[in-house]
Amino acid sequence: MISLSTLGLSPEILNALKDKGYESATPIQKALIPVMFTRRDIMAGAQTGTGKTAGFALPILQELSKAFVAGQHYPKAVIIVPTRELARQVHASFESYGKYLPLKSMVLYGGANLNFSGE
């Protein structure tokens, strides 16, 4: 296993991962995270529970936090998933991985009232 600390992630993200008990990168994370930093299109597949969400979320959070400017409130990333349940799960992951970053996120899906205070 490869340590998450060797993948170029910020101390804030590493602290959030440590809070969750994550220490080692999974094979999909080891493959995805470095490539995500190149900003190329990527298509990857792995079984449920292998860490795909962290594999794409961590580099997104890292890059958004580096470009953060206070007071500039507009969408900077959009994650599209096929179900409400998955949307909620992905949002929760972004919230927990980015809890020490100055970023905000929200989840939107069809067939429900919009509430801009989170969910």
PDB file of N, CA and C in Angstrom:
ATOM      1  N   MET A   1       0.826  -1.189   0.000  1.00  0.00           N
ATOM      2  CA  MET A   1       0.000   0.000   0.000  1.00  0.00           C
ATOM      3  C   MET A   1       0.867   1.248   0.000  1.00  0.00           C
ATOM      4  N   ILE A   2       0.360   2.271  -0.646  1.00  0.00           N
ATOM      5  CA  ILE A   2       1.067   3.545  -0.709  1.00  0.00           C
ATOM      6  C   ILE A   2       0.394   4.531   0.241  1.00  0.00           C
ATOM      7  N   SER A   3       1.196   5.293   0.931  1.00  0.00           N
ATOM      8  CA  SER A   3       0.668   6.278   1.874  1.00  0.00           C
ATOM      9  C   SER A   3      -0.005   7.413   1.121  1.00  0.00           C
ATOM     10  N   LEU A   4      -1.130   7.887   1.635  1.00  0.00           N
ATOM     11  CA  LEU A   4      -1.823   9.032   1.039  1.00  0.00           C
ATOM     12  C   LEU A   4      -0.940  10.275   1.052  1.00  0.00           C
ATOM     13  N   SER A   5      -0.035  10.365   2.019  1.00  0.00           N
ATOM     14  CA  SER A   5       0.820  11.549   2.134  1.00  0.00           C
ATOM     15  C   SER A   5       1.818  11.676   0.988  1.00  0.00           C
ATOM     16  N   THR A   6       1.990  10.638   0.185  1.00  0.00           N
ATOM     17  CA  THR A   6       2.937  10.695  -0.934  1.00  0.00           C
ATOM     18  C   THR A   6       2.266  11.124  -2.243  1.00  0.00           C
ATOM     19  N   LEU A   7       0.967  11.415  -2.216  1.00  0.00           N
ATOM     20  CA  LEU A   7       0.242  11.715  -3.450  1.00  0.00           C
ATOM     21  C   LEU A   7       0.103  13.205  -3.744  1.00  0.00           C
ATOM     22  N   GLY A   8       0.767  14.051  -2.957  1.00  0.00           N
ATOM     23  CA  GLY A   8       0.746  15.482  -3.237  1.00  0.00           C
ATOM     24  C   GLY A   8      -0.455  16.220  -2.710  1.00  0.00           C
ATOM     25  N   LEU A   9      -1.135  15.646  -1.730  1.00  0.00           N
ATOM     26  CA  LEU A   9      -2.326  16.291  -1.161  1.00  0.00           C
ATOM     27  C   LEU A   9      -1.927  17.277  -0.069  1.00  0.00           C
ATOM     28  N   SER A  10      -2.740  18.313   0.100  1.00  0.00           N
ATOM     29  CA  SER A  10      -2.446  19.369   1.075  1.00  0.00           C
ATOM     30  C   SER A  10      -2.560  18.841   2.508  1.00  0.00           C
ATOM     31  N   PRO A  11      -1.912  19.514   3.453  1.00  0.00           N
ATOM     32  CA  PRO A  11      -2.024  19.121   4.866  1.00  0.00           C
ATOM     33  C   PRO A  11      -3.469  19.139   5.361  1.00  0.00           C
ATOM     34  N   GLU A  12      -4.273  20.090   4.866  1.00  0.00           N
ATOM     35  CA  GLU A  12      -5.676  20.163   5.299  1.00  0.00           C
ATOM     36  C   GLU A  12      -6.453  18.920   4.862  1.00  0.00           C
ATOM     37  N   ILE A  13      -6.232  18.495   3.641  1.00  0.00           N
ATOM     38  CA  ILE A  13      -6.913  17.294   3.151  1.00  0.00           C
ATOM     39  C   ILE A  13      -6.389  16.068   3.879  1.00  0.00           C
ATOM     40  N   LEU A  14      -5.093  15.979   4.075  1.00  0.00           N
ATOM     41  CA  LEU A  14      -4.524  14.835   4.806  1.00  0.00           C
ATOM     42  C   LEU A  14      -5.057  14.775   6.225  1.00  0.00           C
ATOM     43  N   ASN A  15      -5.260  15.923   6.880  1.00  0.00           N
ATOM     44  CA  ASN A  15      -5.833  15.934   8.231  1.00  0.00           C
ATOM     45  C   ASN A  15      -7.260  15.420   8.223  1.00  0.00           C
ATOM     46  N   ALA A  16      -8.057  15.817   7.221  1.00  0.00           N
ATOM     47  CA  ALA A  16      -9.432  15.329   7.118  1.00  0.00           C
ATOM     48  C   ALA A  16      -9.449  13.823   6.884  1.00  0.00           C
ATOM     49  N   LEU A  17      -8.532  13.332   6.069  1.00  0.00           N
ATOM     50  CA  LEU A  17      -8.449  11.890   5.816  1.00  0.00           C
ATOM     51  C   LEU A  17      -8.021  11.147   7.070  1.00  0.00           C
ATOM     52  N   LYS A  18      -7.099  11.730   7.810  1.00  0.00           N
ATOM     53  CA  LYS A  18      -6.662  11.120   9.068  1.00  0.00           C
ATOM     54  C   LYS A  18      -7.836  11.028  10.045  1.00  0.00           C
ATOM     55  N   ASP A  19      -8.661  12.076  10.096  1.00  0.00           N
ATOM     56  CA  ASP A  19      -9.853  12.061  10.952  1.00  0.00           C
ATOM     57  C   ASP A  19     -10.782  10.907  10.600  1.00  0.00           C
ATOM     58  N   LYS A  20     -10.824  10.542   9.328  1.00  0.00           N
ATOM     59  CA  LYS A  20     -11.668   9.441   8.873  1.00  0.00           C
ATOM     60  C   LYS A  20     -10.990   8.086   9.028  1.00  0.00           C
ATOM     61  N   GLY A  21      -9.715   8.100   9.445  1.00  0.00           N
ATOM     62  CA  GLY A  21      -8.989   6.855   9.636  1.00  0.00           C
ATOM     63  C   GLY A  21      -8.310   6.340   8.375  1.00  0.00           C
ATOM     64  N   TYR A  22      -8.246   7.175   7.334  1.00  0.00           N
ATOM     65  CA  TYR A  22      -7.597   6.771   6.089  1.00  0.00           C
ATOM     66  C   TYR A  22      -6.102   7.033   6.200  1.00  0.00           C
ATOM     67  N   GLU A  23      -5.301   6.033   5.866  1.00  0.00           N
ATOM     68  CA  GLU A  23      -3.841   6.184   5.882  1.00  0.00           C
ATOM     69  C   GLU A  23      -3.213   5.809   4.551  1.00  0.00           C
ATOM     70  N   SER A  24      -3.725   4.771   3.936  1.00  0.00           N
ATOM     71  CA  SER A  24      -3.133   4.260   2.700  1.00  0.00           C
ATOM     72  C   SER A  24      -4.081   4.464   1.529  1.00  0.00           C
ATOM     73  N   ALA A  25      -3.504   4.728   0.376  1.00  0.00           N
ATOM     74  CA  ALA A  25      -4.287   4.860  -0.850  1.00  0.00           C
ATOM     75  C   ALA A  25      -4.672   3.471  -1.355  1.00  0.00           C
ATOM     76  N   THR A  26      -5.876   3.373  -1.863  1.00  0.00           N
ATOM     77  CA  THR A  26      -6.308   2.133  -2.501  1.00  0.00           C
ATOM     78  C   THR A  26      -5.711   2.098  -3.907  1.00  0.00           C
ATOM     79  N   PRO A  27      -5.737   0.968  -4.587  1.00  0.00           N
ATOM     80  CA  PRO A  27      -5.189   0.915  -5.942  1.00  0.00           C
ATOM     81  C   PRO A  27      -5.835   1.939  -6.896  1.00  0.00           C
ATOM     82  N   ILE A  28      -7.149   2.135  -6.820  1.00  0.00           N
ATOM     83  CA  ILE A  28      -7.792   3.100  -7.719  1.00  0.00           C
ATOM     84  C   ILE A  28      -7.352   4.525  -7.383  1.00  0.00           C
ATOM     85  N   GLN A  29      -7.173   4.829  -6.109  1.00  0.00           N
ATOM     86  CA  GLN A  29      -6.703   6.164  -5.711  1.00  0.00           C
ATOM     87  C   GLN A  29      -5.266   6.391  -6.161  1.00  0.00           C
ATOM     88  N   LYS A  30      -4.441   5.379  -6.014  1.00  0.00           N
ATOM     89  CA  LYS A  30      -3.042   5.471  -6.444  1.00  0.00           C
ATOM     90  C   LYS A  30      -2.969   5.747  -7.944  1.00  0.00           C
ATOM     91  N   ALA A  31      -3.886   5.161  -8.698  1.00  0.00           N
ATOM     92  CA  ALA A  31      -3.909   5.367 -10.141  1.00  0.00           C
ATOM     93  C   ALA A  31      -4.544   6.705 -10.521  1.00  0.00           C
ATOM     94  N   LEU A  32      -5.628   7.074  -9.850  1.00  0.00           N
ATOM     95  CA  LEU A  32      -6.390   8.268 -10.238  1.00  0.00           C
ATOM     96  C   LEU A  32      -5.780   9.590  -9.795  1.00  0.00           C
ATOM     97  N   ILE A  33      -5.387   9.691  -8.546  1.00  0.00           N
ATOM     98  CA  ILE A  33      -5.021  10.992  -7.978  1.00  0.00           C
ATOM     99  C   ILE A  33      -3.900  11.676  -8.755  1.00  0.00           C
ATOM    100  N   PRO A  34      -2.778  11.031  -9.027  1.00  0.00           N
ATOM    101  CA  PRO A  34      -1.733  11.721  -9.792  1.00  0.00           C
ATOM    102  C   PRO A  34      -2.192  12.144 -11.192  1.00  0.00           C
ATOM    103  N   VAL A  35      -2.989  11.307 -11.841  1.00  0.00           N
ATOM    104  CA  VAL A  35      -3.459  11.626 -13.191  1.00  0.00           C
ATOM    105  C   VAL A  35      -4.466  12.776 -13.149  1.00  0.00           C
ATOM    106  N   MET A  36      -5.288  12.837 -12.111  1.00  0.00           N
ATOM    107  CA  MET A  36      -6.261  13.929 -11.981  1.00  0.00           C
ATOM    108  C   MET A  36      -5.554  15.278 -11.925  1.00  0.00           C
ATOM    109  N   PHE A  37      -4.386  15.336 -11.328  1.00  0.00           N
ATOM    110  CA  PHE A  37      -3.650  16.602 -11.250  1.00  0.00           C
ATOM    111  C   PHE A  37      -3.170  17.084 -12.626  1.00  0.00           C
ATOM    112  N   THR A  38      -3.160  16.211 -13.619  1.00  0.00           N
ATOM    113  CA  THR A  38      -2.767  16.619 -14.969  1.00  0.00           C
ATOM    114  C   THR A  38      -3.922  17.266 -15.726  1.00  0.00           C
ATOM    115  N   ARG A  39      -5.135  17.200 -15.167  1.00  0.00           N
ATOM    116  CA  ARG A  39      -6.345  17.804 -15.746  1.00  0.00           C
ATOM    117  C   ARG A  39      -6.732  17.196 -17.094  1.00  0.00           C
ATOM    118  N   ARG A  40      -6.390  15.935 -17.282  1.00  0.00           N
ATOM    119  CA  ARG A  40      -6.810  15.232 -18.491  1.00  0.00           C
ATOM    120  C   ARG A  40      -8.127  14.526 -18.217  1.00  0.00           C
ATOM    121  N   ASP A  41      -8.850  14.224 -19.296  1.00  0.00           N
ATOM    122  CA  ASP A  41     -10.061  13.424 -19.156  1.00  0.00           C
ATOM    123  C   ASP A  41      -9.666  12.025 -18.710  1.00  0.00           C
ATOM    124  N   ILE A  42     -10.466  11.480 -17.804  1.00  0.00           N
ATOM    125  CA  ILE A  42     -10.151  10.166 -17.241  1.00  0.00           C
ATOM    126  C   ILE A  42     -11.430   9.342 -17.192  1.00  0.00           C
ATOM    127  N   MET A  43     -11.312   8.077 -17.508  1.00  0.00           N
ATOM    128  CA  MET A  43     -12.400   7.142 -17.294  1.00  0.00           C
ATOM    129  C   MET A  43     -11.804   5.966 -16.527  1.00  0.00           C
ATOM    130  N   ALA A  44     -12.392   5.679 -15.372  1.00  0.00           N
ATOM    131  CA  ALA A  44     -11.865   4.600 -14.538  1.00  0.00           C
ATOM    132  C   ALA A  44     -13.023   3.829 -13.937  1.00  0.00           C
ATOM    133  N   GLY A  45     -12.820   2.585 -13.705  1.00  0.00           N
ATOM    134  CA  GLY A  45     -13.840   1.751 -13.091  1.00  0.00           C
ATOM    135  C   GLY A  45     -13.241   0.873 -12.023  1.00  0.00           C
ATOM    136  N   ALA A  46     -14.014   0.641 -10.987  1.00  0.00           N
ATOM    137  CA  ALA A  46     -13.604  -0.259  -9.903  1.00  0.00           C
ATOM    138  C   ALA A  46     -14.853  -0.644  -9.137  1.00  0.00           C
ATOM    139  N   GLN A  47     -14.758  -1.707  -8.377  1.00  0.00           N
ATOM    140  CA  GLN A  47     -15.901  -2.183  -7.610  1.00  0.00           C
ATOM    141  C   GLN A  47     -16.311  -1.170  -6.541  1.00  0.00           C
ATOM    142  N   THR A  48     -17.545  -1.300  -6.090  1.00  0.00           N
ATOM    143  CA  THR A  48     -18.060  -0.473  -5.006  1.00  0.00           C
ATOM    144  C   THR A  48     -17.185  -0.662  -3.771  1.00  0.00           C
ATOM    145  N   GLY A  49     -16.894   0.451  -3.094  1.00  0.00           N
ATOM    146  CA  GLY A  49     -16.129   0.390  -1.850  1.00  0.00           C
ATOM    147  C   GLY A  49     -14.624   0.432  -2.019  1.00  0.00           C
ATOM    148  N   THR A  50     -14.151   0.722  -3.224  1.00  0.00           N
ATOM    149  CA  THR A  50     -12.708   0.719  -3.466  1.00  0.00           C
ATOM    150  C   THR A  50     -12.071   2.105  -3.365  1.00  0.00           C
ATOM    151  N   GLY A  51     -12.884   3.145  -3.156  1.00  0.00           N
ATOM    152  CA  GLY A  51     -12.328   4.488  -2.982  1.00  0.00           C
ATOM    153  C   GLY A  51     -12.367   5.367  -4.216  1.00  0.00           C
ATOM    154  N   LYS A  52     -13.268   5.061  -5.155  1.00  0.00           N
ATOM    155  CA  LYS A  52     -13.354   5.872  -6.374  1.00  0.00           C
ATOM    156  C   LYS A  52     -13.706   7.320  -6.056  1.00  0.00           C
ATOM    157  N   THR A  53     -14.659   7.542  -5.149  1.00  0.00           N
ATOM    158  CA  THR A  53     -15.075   8.911  -4.846  1.00  0.00           C
ATOM    159  C   THR A  53     -13.894   9.728  -4.344  1.00  0.00           C
ATOM    160  N   ALA A  54     -13.129   9.197  -3.427  1.00  0.00           N
ATOM    161  CA  ALA A  54     -11.948   9.918  -2.941  1.00  0.00           C
ATOM    162  C   ALA A  54     -10.933  10.100  -4.068  1.00  0.00           C
ATOM    163  N   GLY A  55     -10.835   9.132  -4.947  1.00  0.00           N
ATOM    164  CA  GLY A  55      -9.889   9.214  -6.054  1.00  0.00           C
ATOM    165  C   GLY A  55     -10.118  10.416  -6.943  1.00  0.00           C
ATOM    166  N   PHE A  56     -11.383  10.797  -7.148  1.00  0.00           N
ATOM    167  CA  PHE A  56     -11.614  11.988  -7.955  1.00  0.00           C
ATOM    168  C   PHE A  56     -11.875  13.225  -7.103  1.00  0.00           C
ATOM    169  N   ALA A  57     -12.441  13.061  -5.905  1.00  0.00           N
ATOM    170  CA  ALA A  57     -12.780  14.216  -5.068  1.00  0.00           C
ATOM    171  C   ALA A  57     -11.550  14.910  -4.497  1.00  0.00           C
ATOM    172  N   LEU A  58     -10.581  14.160  -4.051  1.00  0.00           N
ATOM    173  CA  LEU A  58      -9.412  14.764  -3.396  1.00  0.00           C
ATOM    174  C   LEU A  58      -8.649  15.711  -4.324  1.00  0.00           C
ATOM    175  N   PRO A  59      -8.342  15.320  -5.564  1.00  0.00           N
ATOM    176  CA  PRO A  59      -7.665  16.266  -6.453  1.00  0.00           C
ATOM    177  C   PRO A  59      -8.533  17.486  -6.794  1.00  0.00           C
ATOM    178  N   ILE A  60      -9.836  17.296  -6.926  1.00  0.00           N
ATOM    179  CA  ILE A  60     -10.726  18.430  -7.197  1.00  0.00           C
ATOM    180  C   ILE A  60     -10.678  19.410  -6.040  1.00  0.00           C
ATOM    181  N   LEU A  61     -10.815  18.912  -4.820  1.00  0.00           N
ATOM    182  CA  LEU A  61     -10.754  19.776  -3.643  1.00  0.00           C
ATOM    183  C   LEU A  61      -9.406  20.486  -3.544  1.00  0.00           C
ATOM    184  N   GLN A  62      -8.348  19.764  -3.809  1.00  0.00           N
ATOM    185  CA  GLN A  62      -7.005  20.340  -3.746  1.00  0.00           C
ATOM    186  C   GLN A  62      -6.876  21.515  -4.717  1.00  0.00           C
ATOM    187  N   GLU A  63      -7.269  21.303  -5.968  1.00  0.00           N
ATOM    188  CA  GLU A  63      -7.129  22.345  -6.981  1.00  0.00           C
ATOM    189  C   GLU A  63      -8.049  23.526  -6.691  1.00  0.00           C
ATOM    190  N   LEU A  64      -9.264  23.276  -6.236  1.00  0.00           N
ATOM    191  CA  LEU A  64     -10.180  24.371  -5.907  1.00  0.00           C
ATOM    192  C   LEU A  64      -9.673  25.174  -4.719  1.00  0.00           C
ATOM    193  N   SER A  65      -9.087  24.520  -3.741  1.00  0.00           N
ATOM    194  CA  SER A  65      -8.596  25.252  -2.566  1.00  0.00           C
ATOM    195  C   SER A  65      -7.384  26.113  -2.926  1.00  0.00           C
ATOM    196  N   LYS A  66      -6.559  25.653  -3.880  1.00  0.00           N
ATOM    197  CA  LYS A  66      -5.409  26.454  -4.304  1.00  0.00           C
ATOM    198  C   LYS A  66      -5.852  27.714  -5.036  1.00  0.00           C
ATOM    199  N   ALA A  67      -6.995  27.642  -5.722  1.00  0.00           N
ATOM    200  CA  ALA A  67      -7.491  28.775  -6.504  1.00  0.00           C
ATOM    201  C   ALA A  67      -8.545  29.586  -5.748  1.00  0.00           C
ATOM    202  N   PHE A  68      -8.774  29.283  -4.480  1.00  0.00           N
ATOM    203  CA  PHE A  68      -9.835  29.930  -3.705  1.00  0.00           C
ATOM    204  C   PHE A  68      -9.593  31.428  -3.566  1.00  0.00           C
ATOM    205  N   VAL A  69     -10.652  32.194  -3.816  1.00  0.00           N
ATOM    206  CA  VAL A  69     -10.643  33.640  -3.605  1.00  0.00           C
ATOM    207  C   VAL A  69     -11.901  33.975  -2.819  1.00  0.00           C
ATOM    208  N   ALA A  70     -11.739  34.533  -1.635  1.00  0.00           N
ATOM    209  CA  ALA A  70     -12.889  34.878  -0.792  1.00  0.00           C
ATOM    210  C   ALA A  70     -13.822  35.818  -1.544  1.00  0.00           C
ATOM    211  N   GLY A  71     -15.109  35.600  -1.386  1.00  0.00           N
ATOM    212  CA  GLY A  71     -16.103  36.468  -1.991  1.00  0.00           C
ATOM    213  C   GLY A  71     -16.500  36.103  -3.408  1.00  0.00           C
ATOM    214  N   GLN A  72     -15.823  35.158  -4.020  1.00  0.00           N
ATOM    215  CA  GLN A  72     -16.186  34.736  -5.375  1.00  0.00           C
ATOM    216  C   GLN A  72     -17.057  33.494  -5.280  1.00  0.00           C
ATOM    217  N   HIS A  73     -18.356  33.712  -5.268  1.00  0.00           N
ATOM    218  CA  HIS A  73     -19.322  32.640  -5.068  1.00  0.00           C
ATOM    219  C   HIS A  73     -19.988  32.268  -6.387  1.00  0.00           C
ATOM    220  N   TYR A  74     -19.490  31.249  -7.019  1.00  0.00           N
ATOM    221  CA  TYR A  74     -20.087  30.706  -8.228  1.00  0.00           C
ATOM    222  C   TYR A  74     -19.617  29.261  -8.345  1.00  0.00           C
ATOM    223  N   PRO A  75     -20.352  28.430  -9.066  1.00  0.00           N
ATOM    224  CA  PRO A  75     -19.945  27.025  -9.187  1.00  0.00           C
ATOM    225  C   PRO A  75     -18.574  26.888  -9.831  1.00  0.00           C
ATOM    226  N   LYS A  76     -17.750  26.072  -9.215  1.00  0.00           N
ATOM    227  CA  LYS A  76     -16.398  25.842  -9.728  1.00  0.00           C
ATOM    228  C   LYS A  76     -16.189  24.390 -10.143  1.00  0.00           C
ATOM    229  N   ALA A  77     -17.097  23.531  -9.722  1.00  0.00           N
ATOM    230  CA  ALA A  77     -17.057  22.129 -10.123  1.00  0.00           C
ATOM    231  C   ALA A  77     -18.482  21.582 -10.065  1.00  0.00           C
ATOM    232  N   VAL A  78     -18.799  20.720 -10.981  1.00  0.00           N
ATOM    233  CA  VAL A  78     -20.102  20.062 -10.996  1.00  0.00           C
ATOM    234  C   VAL A  78     -19.842  18.561 -11.119  1.00  0.00           C
ATOM    235  N   ILE A  79     -20.406  17.817 -10.202  1.00  0.00           N
ATOM    236  CA  ILE A  79     -20.282  16.360 -10.216  1.00  0.00           C
ATOM    237  C   ILE A  79     -21.666  15.812 -10.558  1.00  0.00           C
ATOM    238  N   ILE A  80     -21.776  15.042 -11.595  1.00  0.00           N
ATOM    239  CA  ILE A  80     -23.057  14.502 -12.024  1.00  0.00           C
ATOM    240  C   ILE A  80     -23.080  13.001 -11.742  1.00  0.00           C
ATOM    241  N   VAL A  81     -24.105  12.571 -11.034  1.00  0.00           N
ATOM    242  CA  VAL A  81     -24.273  11.152 -10.703  1.00  0.00           C
ATOM    243  C   VAL A  81     -25.701  10.735 -11.036  1.00  0.00           C
ATOM    244  N   PRO A  82     -25.958   9.438 -11.175  1.00  0.00           N
ATOM    245  CA  PRO A  82     -27.267   8.995 -11.679  1.00  0.00           C
ATOM    246  C   PRO A  82     -28.412   8.913 -10.670  1.00  0.00           C
ATOM    247  N   THR A  83     -28.136   8.963  -9.381  1.00  0.00           N
ATOM    248  CA  THR A  83     -29.228   8.804  -8.416  1.00  0.00           C
ATOM    249  C   THR A  83     -29.114   9.812  -7.279  1.00  0.00           C
ATOM    250  N   ARG A  84     -30.246  10.075  -6.622  1.00  0.00           N
ATOM    251  CA  ARG A  84     -30.251  10.962  -5.456  1.00  0.00           C
ATOM    252  C   ARG A  84     -29.386  10.412  -4.336  1.00  0.00           C
ATOM    253  N   GLU A  85     -29.503   9.120  -4.108  1.00  0.00           N
ATOM    254  CA  GLU A  85     -28.720   8.495  -3.033  1.00  0.00           C
ATOM    255  C   GLU A  85     -27.227   8.681  -3.263  1.00  0.00           C
ATOM    256  N   LEU A  86     -26.780   8.445  -4.478  1.00  0.00           N
ATOM    257  CA  LEU A  86     -25.360   8.628  -4.777  1.00  0.00           C
ATOM    258  C   LEU A  86     -24.975  10.100  -4.686  1.00  0.00           C
ATOM    259  N   ALA A  87     -25.867  10.993  -5.097  1.00  0.00           N
ATOM    260  CA  ALA A  87     -25.589  12.431  -4.980  1.00  0.00           C
ATOM    261  C   ALA A  87     -25.360  12.806  -3.521  1.00  0.00           C
ATOM    262  N   ARG A  88     -26.195  12.297  -2.636  1.00  0.00           N
ATOM    263  CA  ARG A  88     -26.031  12.577  -1.201  1.00  0.00           C
ATOM    264  C   ARG A  88     -24.715  12.001  -0.671  1.00  0.00           C
ATOM    265  N   GLN A  89     -24.383  10.788  -1.095  1.00  0.00           N
ATOM    266  CA  GLN A  89     -23.150  10.150  -0.638  1.00  0.00           C
ATOM    267  C   GLN A  89     -21.916  10.913  -1.116  1.00  0.00           C
ATOM    268  N   VAL A  90     -21.912  11.314  -2.378  1.00  0.00           N
ATOM    269  CA  VAL A  90     -20.773  12.047  -2.928  1.00  0.00           C
ATOM    270  C   VAL A  90     -20.650  13.399  -2.222  1.00  0.00           C
ATOM    271  N   HIS A  91     -21.778  14.068  -2.006  1.00  0.00           N
ATOM    272  CA  HIS A  91     -21.754  15.355  -1.295  1.00  0.00           C
ATOM    273  C   HIS A  91     -21.176  15.185   0.102  1.00  0.00           C
ATOM    274  N   ALA A  92     -21.602  14.156   0.818  1.00  0.00           N
ATOM    275  CA  ALA A  92     -21.079  13.909   2.171  1.00  0.00           C
ATOM    276  C   ALA A  92     -19.567  13.672   2.128  1.00  0.00           C
ATOM    277  N   SER A  93     -19.093  12.982   1.115  1.00  0.00           N
ATOM    278  CA  SER A  93     -17.653  12.744   0.983  1.00  0.00           C
ATOM    279  C   SER A  93     -16.910  14.049   0.741  1.00  0.00           C
ATOM    280  N   PHE A  94     -17.411  14.877  -0.167  1.00  0.00           N
ATOM    281  CA  PHE A  94     -16.768  16.170  -0.420  1.00  0.00           C
ATOM    282  C   PHE A  94     -16.741  17.014   0.854  1.00  0.00           C
ATOM    283  N   GLU A  95     -17.836  17.004   1.604  1.00  0.00           N
ATOM    284  CA  GLU A  95     -17.900  17.774   2.849  1.00  0.00           C
ATOM    285  C   GLU A  95     -16.844  17.271   3.849  1.00  0.00           C
ATOM    286  N   SER A  96     -16.741  15.960   4.018  1.00  0.00           N
ATOM    287  CA  SER A  96     -15.798  15.440   5.019  1.00  0.00           C
ATOM    288  C   SER A  96     -14.349  15.571   4.566  1.00  0.00           C
ATOM    289  N   TYR A  97     -14.066  15.332   3.289  1.00  0.00           N
ATOM    290  CA  TYR A  97     -12.690  15.460   2.805  1.00  0.00           C
ATOM    291  C   TYR A  97     -12.228  16.914   2.809  1.00  0.00           C
ATOM    292  N   GLY A  98     -13.160  17.844   2.622  1.00  0.00           N
ATOM    293  CA  GLY A  98     -12.813  19.257   2.546  1.00  0.00           C
ATOM    294  C   GLY A  98     -13.116  20.050   3.789  1.00  0.00           C
ATOM    295  N   LYS A  99     -13.307  19.378   4.916  1.00  0.00           N
ATOM    296  CA  LYS A  99     -13.763  20.087   6.107  1.00  0.00           C
ATOM    297  C   LYS A  99     -12.775  21.123   6.639  1.00  0.00           C
ATOM    298  N   TYR A 100     -11.505  21.026   6.301  1.00  0.00           N
ATOM    299  CA  TYR A 100     -10.517  22.013   6.743  1.00  0.00           C
ATOM    300  C   TYR A 100     -10.171  23.021   5.639  1.00  0.00           C
ATOM    301  N   LEU A 101     -10.934  22.994   4.554  1.00  0.00           N
ATOM    302  CA  LEU A 101     -10.712  23.904   3.434  1.00  0.00           C
ATOM    303  C   LEU A 101     -11.771  25.002   3.448  1.00  0.00           C
ATOM    304  N   PRO A 102     -11.506  26.147   2.825  1.00  0.00           N
ATOM    305  CA  PRO A 102     -12.469  27.250   2.832  1.00  0.00           C
ATOM    306  C   PRO A 102     -13.527  27.125   1.736  1.00  0.00           C
ATOM    307  N   LEU A 103     -13.876  25.909   1.362  1.00  0.00           N
ATOM    308  CA  LEU A 103     -14.806  25.663   0.266  1.00  0.00           C
ATOM    309  C   LEU A 103     -16.179  25.273   0.781  1.00  0.00           C
ATOM    310  N   LYS A 104     -17.190  25.536  -0.014  1.00  0.00           N
ATOM    311  CA  LYS A 104     -18.567  25.138   0.297  1.00  0.00           C
ATOM    312  C   LYS A 104     -19.069  24.240  -0.819  1.00  0.00           C
ATOM    313  N   SER A 105     -19.978  23.347  -0.472  1.00  0.00           N
ATOM    314  CA  SER A 105     -20.578  22.495  -1.490  1.00  0.00           C
ATOM    315  C   SER A 105     -22.062  22.352  -1.214  1.00  0.00           C
ATOM    316  N   MET A 106     -22.774  21.912  -2.221  1.00  0.00           N
ATOM    317  CA  MET A 106     -24.199  21.652  -2.058  1.00  0.00           C
ATOM    318  C   MET A 106     -24.589  20.531  -2.997  1.00  0.00           C
ATOM    319  N   VAL A 107     -25.730  19.933  -2.707  1.00  0.00           N
ATOM    320  CA  VAL A 107     -26.237  18.865  -3.546  1.00  0.00           C
ATOM    321  C   VAL A 107     -27.579  19.321  -4.120  1.00  0.00           C
ATOM    322  N   LEU A 108     -27.775  19.097  -5.407  1.00  0.00           N
ATOM    323  CA  LEU A 108     -29.020  19.421  -6.095  1.00  0.00           C
ATOM    324  C   LEU A 108     -29.478  18.194  -6.857  1.00  0.00           C
ATOM    325  N   TYR A 109     -30.771  17.938  -6.831  1.00  0.00           N
ATOM    326  CA  TYR A 109     -31.315  16.858  -7.638  1.00  0.00           C
ATOM    327  C   TYR A 109     -32.765  17.152  -7.948  1.00  0.00           C
ATOM    328  N   GLY A 110     -33.269  16.561  -8.990  1.00  0.00           N
ATOM    329  CA  GLY A 110     -34.622  16.806  -9.445  1.00  0.00           C
ATOM    330  C   GLY A 110     -35.679  16.215  -8.536  1.00  0.00           C
ATOM    331  N   GLY A 111     -36.877  16.791  -8.617  1.00  0.00           N
ATOM    332  CA  GLY A 111     -38.020  16.263  -7.883  1.00  0.00           C
ATOM    333  C   GLY A 111     -38.053  16.640  -6.421  1.00  0.00           C
ATOM    334  N   ALA A 112     -37.268  17.627  -6.003  1.00  0.00           N
ATOM    335  CA  ALA A 112     -37.243  18.048  -4.608  1.00  0.00           C
ATOM    336  C   ALA A 112     -37.086  19.563  -4.558  1.00  0.00           C
ATOM    337  N   ASN A 113     -37.540  20.167  -3.471  1.00  0.00           N
ATOM    338  CA  ASN A 113     -37.368  21.602  -3.291  1.00  0.00           C
ATOM    339  C   ASN A 113     -35.890  21.925  -3.106  1.00  0.00           C
ATOM    340  N   LEU A 114     -35.486  23.068  -3.643  1.00  0.00           N
ATOM    341  CA  LEU A 114     -34.112  23.506  -3.472  1.00  0.00           C
ATOM    342  C   LEU A 114     -33.974  24.212  -2.128  1.00  0.00           C
ATOM    343  N   ASN A 115     -32.911  23.898  -1.428  1.00  0.00           N
ATOM    344  CA  ASN A 115     -32.612  24.547  -0.157  1.00  0.00           C
ATOM    345  C   ASN A 115     -31.140  24.905  -0.210  1.00  0.00           C
ATOM    346  N   PHE A 116     -30.842  26.189  -0.318  1.00  0.00           N
ATOM    347  CA  PHE A 116     -29.478  26.615  -0.533  1.00  0.00           C
ATOM    348  C   PHE A 116     -28.634  26.660   0.734  1.00  0.00           C
ATOM    349  N   SER A 117     -29.122  26.147   1.827  1.00  0.00           N
ATOM    350  CA  SER A 117     -28.314  26.108   3.053  1.00  0.00           C
ATOM    351  C   SER A 117     -27.605  24.781   3.213  1.00  0.00           C
ATOM    352  N   GLY A 118     -27.588  23.981   2.211  1.00  0.00           N
ATOM    353  CA  GLY A 118     -26.914  22.677   2.282  1.00  0.00           C
ATOM    354  C   GLY A 118     -27.753  21.640   1.602  1.00  0.00           C
ATOM    355  N   GLU A 119     -28.618  20.978   2.366  1.00  0.00           N
ATOM    356  CA  GLU A 119     -29.514  20.002   1.770  1.00  0.00           C
ATOM    357  C   GLU A 119     -30.886  20.143   2.337  1.00  0.00           C
TER     358      GLU A 119
END
